[in-house]
N, C-alpha and C. Protein backbone atom coordinates (compact mmCIF):
# COMPACT_ATOMS: atom_id res chain seq x y z
N MET A 1 114.08 106.12 92.93
CA MET A 1 113.17 106.88 94.01
C MET A 1 113.28 108.35 95.00
N LYS A 2 112.73 108.61 95.27
CA LYS A 2 112.81 109.74 96.18
C LYS A 2 112.23 109.26 97.88
N VAL A 3 112.37 109.16 98.80
CA VAL A 3 111.68 108.93 100.24
C VAL A 3 111.70 109.83 101.47
N ILE A 4 111.15 110.48 102.07
CA ILE A 4 111.10 110.66 103.12
C ILE A 4 110.52 110.30 104.33
N VAL A 5 111.13 109.78 105.71
CA VAL A 5 110.99 109.12 107.06
C VAL A 5 110.70 110.03 107.78
N ILE A 6 109.81 110.55 108.23
CA ILE A 6 109.79 111.18 109.56
C ILE A 6 110.03 110.60 110.31
N THR A 7 110.87 110.66 111.41
CA THR A 7 111.26 110.57 112.51
C THR A 7 110.69 111.56 114.02
N PHE A 8 109.65 111.32 115.00
CA PHE A 8 109.35 111.68 115.66
C PHE A 8 109.70 111.27 117.10
N PRO A 9 109.74 112.04 118.65
CA PRO A 9 110.46 111.92 119.20
C PRO A 9 109.67 110.45 119.58
N GLY A 10 110.19 109.24 120.22
CA GLY A 10 109.39 107.42 120.02
C GLY A 10 109.48 107.35 119.33
N SER A 11 109.88 107.88 118.08
CA SER A 11 110.04 106.74 116.72
C SER A 11 111.06 105.60 116.69
N ASN A 12 110.51 104.11 116.57
CA ASN A 12 111.69 103.42 116.43
C ASN A 12 111.52 102.69 115.74
N CYS A 13 111.01 102.30 114.43
CA CYS A 13 110.67 102.15 113.51
C CYS A 13 111.41 102.41 112.22
N ASP A 14 111.84 103.89 112.68
CA ASP A 14 112.01 104.78 111.20
C ASP A 14 113.44 104.24 110.45
N ARG A 15 114.52 103.71 111.02
CA ARG A 15 115.68 103.88 110.19
C ARG A 15 115.32 102.02 109.45
N ASP A 16 114.64 101.14 110.24
CA ASP A 16 114.37 99.76 110.01
C ASP A 16 113.50 99.85 108.31
N LEU A 17 112.62 100.55 108.67
CA LEU A 17 111.76 101.74 107.49
C LEU A 17 112.15 102.30 105.90
N GLY A 18 113.18 103.14 106.32
CA GLY A 18 114.10 103.80 105.52
C GLY A 18 115.43 102.47 104.72
N LYS A 19 115.36 101.44 105.59
CA LYS A 19 116.19 100.92 105.20
C LYS A 19 115.57 99.20 104.25
N ALA A 20 114.63 99.15 104.52
CA ALA A 20 113.71 98.06 104.16
C ALA A 20 113.28 99.04 102.23
N PHE A 21 113.29 100.34 101.90
CA PHE A 21 112.84 100.96 101.24
C PHE A 21 114.41 101.45 99.86
N GLN A 22 114.99 101.28 100.70
CA GLN A 22 116.48 101.19 99.96
C GLN A 22 116.98 100.19 99.44
N SER A 23 116.67 99.08 100.53
CA SER A 23 117.05 97.58 99.75
C SER A 23 115.69 97.12 99.02
N SER A 24 115.18 97.25 98.90
CA SER A 24 113.72 97.17 98.56
C SER A 24 113.75 97.75 96.47
N PHE A 25 113.91 99.08 96.56
CA PHE A 25 113.64 99.43 95.66
C PHE A 25 115.34 100.69 95.25
N GLY A 26 116.51 100.76 95.89
CA GLY A 26 117.56 101.40 95.91
C GLY A 26 116.85 102.86 96.13
N ALA A 27 116.21 103.25 96.80
CA ALA A 27 115.70 104.42 97.30
C ALA A 27 116.93 105.39 97.65
N LYS A 28 116.29 106.35 97.54
CA LYS A 28 117.49 107.77 98.34
C LYS A 28 116.27 107.99 99.82
N VAL A 29 117.15 107.63 100.80
CA VAL A 29 116.03 107.86 101.78
C VAL A 29 116.44 109.20 102.95
N GLU A 30 115.27 110.00 103.07
CA GLU A 30 115.97 111.02 103.81
C GLU A 30 115.11 111.51 104.97
N TYR A 31 115.84 111.27 106.28
CA TYR A 31 114.73 111.55 107.38
C TYR A 31 114.88 112.70 107.86
N LEU A 32 113.43 112.86 108.17
CA LEU A 32 113.47 113.90 108.20
C LEU A 32 112.51 114.52 110.14
N TRP A 33 113.19 115.20 110.63
CA TRP A 33 112.97 115.11 111.86
C TRP A 33 111.57 115.71 112.31
N HIS A 34 110.54 115.86 113.43
CA HIS A 34 109.21 116.35 113.40
C HIS A 34 109.45 117.77 113.12
N LYS A 35 110.43 118.25 113.79
CA LYS A 35 110.36 119.97 113.62
C LYS A 35 110.40 120.00 112.59
N GLU A 36 110.56 119.81 111.33
CA GLU A 36 111.33 119.83 110.22
C GLU A 36 110.54 120.34 109.31
N ARG A 37 110.39 120.57 107.83
CA ARG A 37 108.69 120.66 107.00
C ARG A 37 109.21 119.88 105.67
N ILE A 38 108.86 119.43 104.99
CA ILE A 38 109.07 118.57 103.79
C ILE A 38 108.89 119.73 103.30
N SER A 39 110.58 119.31 101.77
CA SER A 39 110.80 120.37 101.08
C SER A 39 110.42 119.63 99.81
N GLY A 40 110.30 120.23 98.50
CA GLY A 40 110.10 118.97 97.67
C GLY A 40 109.30 118.13 96.84
N MET A 41 109.31 116.99 96.40
CA MET A 41 108.36 116.54 96.20
C MET A 41 108.56 114.87 96.34
N PRO A 42 109.16 114.65 97.51
CA PRO A 42 109.72 112.94 96.98
C PRO A 42 108.84 111.81 96.78
N ASP A 43 108.90 110.57 95.94
CA ASP A 43 108.01 110.16 95.90
C ASP A 43 106.94 109.73 97.11
N TRP A 44 107.43 109.68 97.87
CA TRP A 44 106.95 108.96 99.18
C TRP A 44 106.79 109.64 100.12
N VAL A 45 106.59 109.89 101.43
CA VAL A 45 106.46 110.13 102.54
C VAL A 45 106.23 108.94 103.29
N LEU A 46 106.96 108.73 104.58
CA LEU A 46 106.46 107.36 105.47
C LEU A 46 106.61 107.71 106.78
N LEU A 47 105.69 107.69 107.26
CA LEU A 47 105.43 107.56 108.95
C LEU A 47 105.79 106.07 110.17
N PRO A 48 106.65 106.14 110.14
CA PRO A 48 107.43 104.53 110.75
C PRO A 48 106.61 104.41 112.18
N GLY A 49 106.52 103.32 112.83
CA GLY A 49 105.96 102.72 113.59
C GLY A 49 106.77 103.09 115.12
N GLY A 50 105.79 102.64 116.26
CA GLY A 50 107.03 103.38 117.23
C GLY A 50 106.16 104.48 118.55
N PHE A 51 106.28 104.96 119.22
CA PHE A 51 105.68 105.46 120.13
C PHE A 51 105.85 106.91 120.69
N SER A 52 105.37 107.60 119.28
CA SER A 52 105.85 109.07 118.93
C SER A 52 105.10 109.41 120.38
N TYR A 53 105.88 110.55 120.86
CA TYR A 53 105.65 111.58 122.01
C TYR A 53 105.15 110.57 123.66
N GLY A 54 105.67 109.28 123.45
CA GLY A 54 105.61 108.70 124.12
C GLY A 54 104.16 107.62 124.63
N ASP A 55 103.52 108.10 123.19
CA ASP A 55 101.90 107.82 123.10
C ASP A 55 101.12 108.36 124.40
N TYR A 56 101.57 109.38 124.50
CA TYR A 56 100.98 110.34 125.85
C TYR A 56 99.35 110.96 125.32
N LEU A 57 98.64 111.07 126.32
CA LEU A 57 96.99 111.34 125.87
C LEU A 57 96.57 110.35 124.97
N ARG A 58 97.07 110.33 124.03
CA ARG A 58 96.42 108.82 122.56
C ARG A 58 97.70 108.77 121.71
N CYS A 59 97.59 107.55 121.17
CA CYS A 59 98.64 107.36 120.07
C CYS A 59 98.50 108.07 119.16
N GLY A 60 99.40 109.30 118.42
CA GLY A 60 99.37 109.65 117.61
C GLY A 60 98.86 110.82 117.67
N ALA A 61 98.59 111.44 119.09
CA ALA A 61 97.45 112.76 119.12
C ALA A 61 98.74 114.06 119.12
N MET A 62 99.60 113.65 120.12
CA MET A 62 100.99 114.49 119.52
C MET A 62 101.57 115.21 118.32
N ALA A 63 101.45 113.60 117.96
CA ALA A 63 102.71 114.07 116.84
C ALA A 63 101.33 114.41 115.59
N ARG A 64 99.85 114.48 115.41
CA ARG A 64 99.40 115.24 114.64
C ARG A 64 99.84 116.78 114.69
N PHE A 65 100.38 116.85 115.69
CA PHE A 65 100.39 119.07 115.72
C PHE A 65 101.97 119.08 115.58
N SER A 66 103.02 118.39 114.78
CA SER A 66 104.31 118.74 114.26
C SER A 66 104.46 119.86 113.07
N PRO A 67 105.52 120.39 113.20
CA PRO A 67 105.40 121.52 111.77
C PRO A 67 105.50 120.37 110.49
N ALA A 68 106.11 119.12 111.15
CA ALA A 68 106.08 118.17 110.17
C ALA A 68 104.47 117.66 109.06
N MET A 69 103.94 117.59 110.28
CA MET A 69 102.70 116.84 109.89
C MET A 69 101.91 117.78 108.85
N GLU A 70 101.80 119.22 109.19
CA GLU A 70 101.70 119.88 108.43
C GLU A 70 101.72 120.50 107.23
N SER A 71 103.21 120.02 107.23
CA SER A 71 104.18 119.88 105.78
C SER A 71 103.06 118.78 104.76
N LEU A 72 103.04 117.77 105.96
CA LEU A 72 102.60 116.65 104.69
C LEU A 72 101.16 116.76 103.79
N VAL A 73 100.65 117.77 105.28
CA VAL A 73 99.38 117.42 104.63
C VAL A 73 98.90 118.71 103.54
N GLU A 74 99.92 119.51 103.06
CA GLU A 74 100.31 120.12 101.67
C GLU A 74 101.01 119.47 101.01
N TYR A 75 101.45 118.60 100.99
CA TYR A 75 102.61 117.71 100.25
C TYR A 75 101.29 116.81 100.03
N HIS A 76 100.27 115.95 100.81
CA HIS A 76 99.10 115.43 99.82
C HIS A 76 98.90 116.26 98.53
N GLU A 77 98.53 117.66 99.54
CA GLU A 77 97.23 118.40 98.76
C GLU A 77 97.42 118.24 97.08
N LYS A 78 99.18 118.51 97.07
CA LYS A 78 100.47 118.86 96.06
C LYS A 78 100.32 117.19 95.25
N GLY A 79 99.51 116.43 95.65
CA GLY A 79 99.79 115.09 95.20
C GLY A 79 100.38 114.04 95.28
N GLY A 80 101.26 114.38 96.65
CA GLY A 80 102.10 113.00 97.33
C GLY A 80 101.58 111.94 97.48
N ARG A 81 102.07 111.15 97.90
CA ARG A 81 102.24 109.68 98.68
C ARG A 81 102.33 109.52 100.25
N VAL A 82 101.63 108.61 100.92
CA VAL A 82 101.99 108.72 102.03
C VAL A 82 101.64 107.32 102.18
N LEU A 83 102.80 106.62 103.24
CA LEU A 83 102.34 105.53 104.03
C LEU A 83 102.65 105.94 105.53
N GLY A 84 101.66 105.11 106.47
CA GLY A 84 102.01 104.94 107.70
C GLY A 84 101.56 104.02 108.38
N ILE A 85 102.70 103.23 108.93
CA ILE A 85 103.08 101.95 109.68
C ILE A 85 102.89 101.85 111.36
N CYS A 86 101.62 101.22 111.18
CA CYS A 86 101.37 101.45 113.17
C CYS A 86 100.80 102.53 113.92
N ASN A 87 101.63 102.70 114.43
CA ASN A 87 102.12 104.03 115.38
C ASN A 87 102.02 105.20 113.99
N GLY A 88 102.68 105.10 112.67
CA GLY A 88 102.36 106.34 111.49
C GLY A 88 101.06 106.22 111.09
N PHE A 89 100.29 104.45 111.11
CA PHE A 89 98.62 104.85 110.81
C PHE A 89 97.79 105.18 111.72
N GLN A 90 98.31 105.42 113.14
CA GLN A 90 97.66 106.14 114.50
C GLN A 90 97.57 107.43 114.63
N ILE A 91 99.08 108.14 113.60
CA ILE A 91 98.98 109.38 113.69
C ILE A 91 98.12 109.70 112.23
N LEU A 92 97.81 109.44 111.17
CA LEU A 92 97.16 109.58 109.97
C LEU A 92 95.89 109.57 110.77
N THR A 93 95.30 109.07 111.32
CA THR A 93 93.61 109.03 111.59
C THR A 93 93.91 110.64 112.38
N GLU A 94 94.59 110.16 113.69
CA GLU A 94 94.55 111.17 114.73
C GLU A 94 94.78 112.91 113.72
N ALA A 95 95.17 112.66 112.89
CA ALA A 95 95.57 114.29 111.46
C ALA A 95 94.37 114.10 110.68
N GLY A 96 93.26 113.07 110.87
CA GLY A 96 92.67 113.90 109.77
C GLY A 96 92.60 113.60 108.31
N LEU A 97 93.76 112.45 108.53
CA LEU A 97 94.42 112.47 106.30
C LEU A 97 93.88 110.76 106.25
N LEU A 98 93.29 110.37 107.24
CA LEU A 98 92.58 108.67 107.49
C LEU A 98 91.44 108.82 108.43
N PRO A 99 90.23 108.46 108.15
CA PRO A 99 89.12 108.02 108.87
C PRO A 99 88.89 107.04 110.43
N GLY A 100 88.44 107.19 110.81
CA GLY A 100 88.34 106.01 112.06
C GLY A 100 89.44 106.52 113.33
N ALA A 101 89.70 105.43 114.23
CA ALA A 101 90.52 105.32 115.47
C ALA A 101 90.75 105.06 115.53
N LEU A 102 92.31 104.25 116.15
CA LEU A 102 92.49 102.71 116.44
C LEU A 102 92.97 102.83 117.89
N ILE A 103 92.31 101.96 118.39
CA ILE A 103 91.82 102.06 120.48
C ILE A 103 92.40 100.43 120.38
N ALA A 104 92.63 100.46 121.46
CA ALA A 104 93.03 99.64 122.68
C ALA A 104 92.84 97.63 122.18
N ASN A 105 93.51 97.01 121.99
CA ASN A 105 93.40 95.60 121.71
C ASN A 105 92.34 95.33 122.49
N LYS A 106 91.50 94.50 121.77
CA LYS A 106 90.34 93.46 122.42
C LYS A 106 90.86 92.92 124.14
N THR A 107 92.13 92.38 123.97
CA THR A 107 92.44 91.90 124.68
C THR A 107 93.09 92.71 125.94
N LEU A 108 93.48 94.26 125.86
CA LEU A 108 93.85 94.69 126.30
C LEU A 108 95.15 94.69 126.77
N LYS A 109 96.07 93.93 125.94
CA LYS A 109 97.43 93.58 126.53
C LYS A 109 97.89 93.84 124.43
N TYR A 110 99.55 93.89 124.87
CA TYR A 110 100.13 94.47 123.32
C TYR A 110 100.24 92.86 122.83
N ILE A 111 100.02 92.62 121.40
CA ILE A 111 100.13 91.85 120.51
C ILE A 111 101.17 92.12 119.86
N CYS A 112 102.69 91.08 119.57
CA CYS A 112 103.65 90.95 118.96
C CYS A 112 104.33 89.43 118.49
N LYS A 113 103.30 89.47 116.90
CA LYS A 113 103.49 88.36 116.65
C LYS A 113 103.52 88.46 115.06
N LYS A 114 103.43 87.13 114.28
CA LYS A 114 103.23 87.28 112.92
C LYS A 114 101.45 86.76 112.26
N VAL A 115 100.75 87.70 111.59
CA VAL A 115 100.13 87.03 111.36
C VAL A 115 99.72 87.34 109.86
N GLU A 116 98.60 86.58 109.20
CA GLU A 116 98.45 86.58 107.90
C GLU A 116 97.27 87.51 107.46
N ILE A 117 97.80 88.62 106.24
CA ILE A 117 96.46 89.25 106.35
C ILE A 117 96.24 89.02 104.67
N GLY A 118 94.99 89.42 104.26
CA GLY A 118 94.57 89.57 102.86
C GLY A 118 94.37 90.43 102.50
N SER A 119 94.65 90.76 100.44
CA SER A 119 94.12 91.88 100.39
C SER A 119 92.79 92.03 98.96
N ASN A 120 91.78 92.95 98.91
CA ASN A 120 91.25 92.78 97.57
C ASN A 120 91.80 93.73 97.16
N TYR A 121 92.96 94.40 97.30
CA TYR A 121 92.80 95.68 96.84
C TYR A 121 93.72 95.77 95.13
N PRO A 122 92.91 96.05 94.35
CA PRO A 122 93.87 96.11 93.24
C PRO A 122 94.81 96.17 92.91
N GLY A 123 96.13 95.68 92.54
CA GLY A 123 97.19 95.46 92.40
C GLY A 123 98.12 95.12 93.60
N LEU A 124 97.25 95.06 94.77
CA LEU A 124 97.72 93.88 96.04
C LEU A 124 97.14 92.68 96.04
N GLU A 125 96.25 92.31 95.40
CA GLU A 125 95.43 91.17 95.73
C GLU A 125 96.74 89.80 96.15
N GLY A 126 96.22 89.17 97.57
CA GLY A 126 96.85 87.92 97.75
C GLY A 126 96.78 87.61 99.32
N ASN A 127 97.51 86.56 99.85
CA ASN A 127 97.65 87.05 101.17
C ASN A 127 99.29 87.26 101.75
N TYR A 128 99.53 87.61 102.44
CA TYR A 128 100.66 88.01 103.35
C TYR A 128 100.85 87.72 104.65
N LYS A 129 101.91 86.70 104.93
CA LYS A 129 102.61 87.06 106.87
C LYS A 129 103.17 88.25 106.79
N ILE A 130 102.90 88.83 107.56
CA ILE A 130 103.57 90.20 108.47
C ILE A 130 103.34 90.53 110.09
N PRO A 131 104.22 90.59 110.57
CA PRO A 131 104.50 90.76 111.90
C PRO A 131 103.08 91.62 112.43
N ILE A 132 102.83 92.11 113.53
CA ILE A 132 102.29 92.73 114.04
C ILE A 132 103.11 93.20 115.29
N ALA A 133 102.86 94.72 116.10
CA ALA A 133 103.50 94.45 117.53
C ALA A 133 102.27 95.94 117.68
N HIS A 134 101.78 95.82 119.04
CA HIS A 134 100.74 97.38 119.30
C HIS A 134 99.79 96.88 120.20
N GLY A 135 99.99 97.81 120.82
CA GLY A 135 98.68 97.81 122.01
C GLY A 135 97.44 98.53 121.64
N GLU A 136 97.46 99.27 120.91
CA GLU A 136 96.06 100.19 120.09
C GLU A 136 95.93 99.90 118.84
N GLY A 137 95.89 98.35 118.33
CA GLY A 137 95.95 98.55 117.14
C GLY A 137 94.31 98.02 116.18
N SER A 138 93.37 98.24 117.51
CA SER A 138 91.95 97.85 116.59
C SER A 138 91.20 98.95 115.89
N TYR A 139 91.08 98.72 114.73
CA TYR A 139 90.34 99.78 114.28
C TYR A 139 89.08 99.91 114.37
N PHE A 140 88.07 101.18 114.14
CA PHE A 140 87.17 101.22 114.88
C PHE A 140 86.77 102.83 114.39
N ALA A 141 85.53 102.56 113.25
CA ALA A 141 84.62 103.91 112.53
C ALA A 141 83.38 103.55 112.75
N SER A 142 82.48 105.07 112.65
CA SER A 142 81.20 104.39 112.70
C SER A 142 80.66 103.77 111.09
N ASP A 143 79.56 103.07 111.26
CA ASP A 143 79.21 102.21 110.46
C ASP A 143 78.98 102.60 109.09
N ASN A 144 78.51 103.84 109.01
CA ASN A 144 78.56 105.23 107.76
C ASN A 144 79.77 104.97 106.95
N VAL A 145 81.10 105.19 107.85
CA VAL A 145 81.94 105.10 107.56
C VAL A 145 82.80 104.06 106.97
N LEU A 146 82.43 102.22 107.69
CA LEU A 146 82.73 101.23 107.05
C LEU A 146 82.22 100.78 105.96
N GLU A 147 80.54 101.32 106.09
CA GLU A 147 79.74 100.65 104.54
C GLU A 147 80.74 101.53 103.41
N GLU A 148 81.06 102.74 103.38
CA GLU A 148 81.64 103.67 102.47
C GLU A 148 82.54 103.02 102.12
N TRP A 149 83.38 102.97 103.16
CA TRP A 149 85.04 101.94 102.86
C TRP A 149 84.84 101.14 101.69
N GLU A 150 83.87 100.03 102.07
CA GLU A 150 83.46 99.15 102.20
C GLU A 150 83.30 98.71 100.63
N GLY A 151 82.16 99.50 100.09
CA GLY A 151 81.83 99.96 98.87
C GLY A 151 82.47 100.41 97.61
N GLU A 152 83.29 101.11 98.47
CA GLU A 152 84.61 102.13 97.51
C GLU A 152 85.66 101.40 96.90
N GLY A 153 85.63 99.96 98.12
CA GLY A 153 86.68 99.61 97.79
C GLY A 153 88.24 99.93 98.44
N ARG A 154 88.05 100.49 99.44
CA ARG A 154 88.96 101.42 99.53
C ARG A 154 89.70 100.33 101.31
N ILE A 155 89.19 99.68 102.15
CA ILE A 155 90.48 98.63 102.78
C ILE A 155 91.15 98.24 102.08
N LEU A 156 92.15 98.33 102.28
CA LEU A 156 93.73 97.89 101.94
C LEU A 156 94.24 96.28 102.12
N VAL A 157 93.98 95.74 103.86
CA VAL A 157 93.94 94.77 103.79
C VAL A 157 93.22 94.40 104.74
N LYS A 158 92.42 93.17 104.99
CA LYS A 158 92.48 92.27 106.56
C LYS A 158 92.91 91.67 106.85
N TYR A 159 92.38 91.42 108.51
CA TYR A 159 93.24 89.61 109.15
C TYR A 159 92.62 88.71 108.60
N SER A 160 93.18 87.77 108.59
CA SER A 160 92.61 86.80 108.28
C SER A 160 91.84 85.61 109.61
N GLN A 161 92.57 86.28 110.83
CA GLN A 161 92.27 85.91 112.09
C GLN A 161 92.83 87.26 112.81
N ASN A 162 91.35 87.91 113.14
CA ASN A 162 91.54 88.95 113.81
C ASN A 162 92.37 89.17 115.06
N PRO A 163 92.99 89.45 115.34
CA PRO A 163 94.07 89.54 116.73
C PRO A 163 93.48 91.06 117.79
N ASN A 164 93.00 91.80 117.23
CA ASN A 164 93.25 92.63 117.83
C ASN A 164 91.40 93.64 118.22
N GLY A 165 90.20 92.32 117.35
CA GLY A 165 88.97 92.89 117.26
C GLY A 165 88.79 93.85 116.57
N SER A 166 89.51 94.62 115.32
CA SER A 166 89.72 95.59 114.77
C SER A 166 87.65 94.99 114.20
N LEU A 167 86.84 95.95 113.29
CA LEU A 167 85.34 95.67 113.19
C LEU A 167 86.11 95.62 111.39
N ARG A 168 85.46 94.87 111.47
CA ARG A 168 85.18 94.10 109.97
C ARG A 168 86.47 93.58 109.65
N ASP A 169 87.81 93.19 110.75
CA ASP A 169 88.41 92.88 110.13
C ASP A 169 90.11 93.40 109.31
N ILE A 170 89.77 94.81 109.92
CA ILE A 170 90.32 95.72 109.35
C ILE A 170 91.96 96.03 109.82
N ALA A 171 93.47 95.86 108.74
CA ALA A 171 94.48 96.14 109.21
C ALA A 171 94.63 96.81 108.64
N GLY A 172 94.05 97.88 107.41
CA GLY A 172 94.66 99.10 106.82
C GLY A 172 93.52 99.14 105.52
N ILE A 173 93.70 100.86 105.73
CA ILE A 173 92.90 101.29 104.28
C ILE A 173 93.48 102.59 103.76
N CYS A 174 92.78 102.89 102.57
CA CYS A 174 93.07 104.34 102.15
C CYS A 174 92.41 105.35 101.70
N SER A 175 93.06 106.40 101.77
CA SER A 175 91.98 107.61 101.36
C SER A 175 91.21 107.61 100.23
N VAL A 176 90.60 108.64 100.46
CA VAL A 176 89.68 109.37 99.32
C VAL A 176 90.20 108.85 97.92
N SER A 177 91.91 109.76 98.22
CA SER A 177 92.25 110.11 97.25
C SER A 177 93.52 109.28 96.64
N ARG A 178 93.13 108.17 97.36
CA ARG A 178 94.07 106.29 97.08
C ARG A 178 95.64 107.02 97.20
N ARG A 179 96.07 107.90 97.80
CA ARG A 179 97.54 108.71 97.82
C ARG A 179 98.05 108.60 99.13
N VAL A 180 96.76 108.21 100.41
CA VAL A 180 97.43 107.70 101.70
C VAL A 180 97.06 106.56 101.86
N PHE A 181 97.84 106.31 102.45
CA PHE A 181 97.80 104.34 103.11
C PHE A 181 98.41 104.20 104.48
N GLY A 182 97.59 103.72 105.09
CA GLY A 182 97.44 103.60 106.60
C GLY A 182 97.38 101.96 106.84
N MET A 183 98.22 100.78 107.74
CA MET A 183 98.19 99.91 108.53
C MET A 183 98.69 99.27 109.19
N MET A 184 98.42 98.81 110.32
CA MET A 184 99.06 98.30 111.63
C MET A 184 100.17 97.30 111.24
N PRO A 185 99.88 95.98 110.56
CA PRO A 185 101.08 95.09 110.12
C PRO A 185 102.25 95.82 110.19
N HIS A 186 103.66 95.59 110.09
CA HIS A 186 105.28 95.82 109.36
C HIS A 186 105.75 95.23 108.30
N PRO A 187 105.11 95.92 107.36
CA PRO A 187 105.82 94.70 106.37
C PRO A 187 107.46 95.10 105.92
N GLU A 188 107.82 96.28 106.79
CA GLU A 188 109.49 96.30 106.73
C GLU A 188 110.00 95.44 107.75
N ARG A 189 109.51 94.58 108.15
CA ARG A 189 109.82 93.66 109.31
C ARG A 189 109.98 92.46 108.55
N ALA A 190 109.66 92.19 106.99
CA ALA A 190 109.44 91.04 106.69
C ALA A 190 110.14 91.20 104.96
N THR A 191 111.28 91.88 105.60
CA THR A 191 111.62 91.84 103.52
C THR A 191 113.09 91.38 103.44
N LEU A 192 113.62 90.45 104.80
CA LEU A 192 115.18 89.46 104.42
C LEU A 192 114.90 88.32 103.77
N GLU A 193 115.63 88.08 102.58
CA GLU A 193 115.50 86.43 102.03
C GLU A 193 116.33 85.65 103.47
N HIS A 194 117.43 86.04 104.11
CA HIS A 194 117.83 85.16 104.59
C HIS A 194 117.78 84.57 106.13
N LEU A 195 116.48 85.65 106.15
CA LEU A 195 115.30 85.46 107.76
C LEU A 195 114.09 84.44 107.37
N GLY A 196 113.96 83.91 105.89
CA GLY A 196 113.02 83.41 105.66
C GLY A 196 111.70 84.40 105.36
N GLU A 197 111.59 85.55 105.66
CA GLU A 197 110.82 86.93 105.68
C GLU A 197 110.82 87.73 104.56
N MET A 198 109.70 87.41 103.15
CA MET A 198 110.20 87.86 102.52
C MET A 198 108.15 88.43 102.00
N ASP A 199 107.23 87.94 102.90
CA ASP A 199 105.82 88.83 102.57
C ASP A 199 105.69 90.02 102.19
N GLY A 200 106.60 90.94 103.70
CA GLY A 200 106.75 92.46 103.51
C GLY A 200 106.93 92.88 102.65
N LYS A 201 108.25 92.74 101.70
CA LYS A 201 109.21 92.92 100.91
C LYS A 201 108.34 93.15 99.25
N ILE A 202 107.79 91.62 99.21
CA ILE A 202 106.26 91.72 98.08
C ILE A 202 104.55 92.78 98.10
N PHE A 203 104.55 93.15 99.50
CA PHE A 203 103.53 93.73 99.54
C PHE A 203 104.15 95.06 99.68
N LEU A 204 105.47 95.73 99.87
CA LEU A 204 105.73 97.21 99.35
C LEU A 204 105.59 97.28 97.64
N GLN A 205 106.44 96.11 97.55
CA GLN A 205 106.90 96.40 95.74
C GLN A 205 105.19 96.68 95.21
N ARG A 206 104.61 96.04 95.66
CA ARG A 206 103.12 95.86 95.01
C ARG A 206 101.99 97.08 94.98
N LEU A 207 102.83 97.59 96.15
CA LEU A 207 101.98 99.27 96.95
C LEU A 207 102.79 100.35 96.11
N VAL A 208 103.75 100.00 96.28
CA VAL A 208 104.77 101.52 95.59
C VAL A 208 104.34 101.28 94.00
N GLN A 209 103.86 100.05 93.45
CA GLN A 209 103.64 99.64 91.90
C GLN A 209 102.40 100.70 91.45
N LEU A 210 101.14 100.79 92.58
CA LEU A 210 99.97 101.29 92.44
C LEU A 210 99.83 102.67 91.59
N SER A 211 98.78 102.66 90.49
CA SER A 211 98.99 104.48 90.11
C SER A 211 98.21 105.17 90.65
C-alpha cells in the first residue's frame, strides 16, 4: 500500500497519521508539501489534523487553494481515495469535496478528550472510543443535505454523546462517490496496544478494506 500525507503550514498530525498507516498496514508513506502536486495513483491520500495556515479566515479556508489540493481533485476524479481527519475534514468541506461546514463548538471552547462514536456504515459497524481535539468541529449542513445523507447512508460515524453540537450527532461523512471520507475524531491517536488504545487501528483497518 502507498499513501501520501499532505502537509500544510500548521499541520501537526501528519507524522502521527503516516506512522499509523505504516505500522498498521506496512504502508509506504510519502509526505507531500502543500506546494507540490500529487503524482501517480497512491492507494490513499491523507489530510491530517492541525491548524493549516493558522486557521486564518476559517479552518481550512486557505489550505483549499494549495497546489496539492488542486491535484487532489484530479486524483479523486481518477478514482483515488481520500481521508481527511479533523483539520483535514475541514479542508475537504472548504474545497467542496464534502458538503456542509465545521463551525465553532457549542461551548465555544476547545475540546480535547476521548469520545465514543458509532457507525452503521457497511463494513464499519460498531462502536469505537477515539480522541477528539478541536475548537470548530460542530458539523452543519442544510436540512436537505442532512436528509439526503441520512437517506443514502453516507454518514460515516456519529457521536454517542454529542460533545460539540454537531447536527444529527455527525462525527464523519463520506462523499457521493464513497471515495472521500472526512471525520473529526483522530483514529491515528488510538493505534498503540501498549497504551491500551486500539479502537482507532480497528477503525482504520475496516475503512481501508472498504471497496
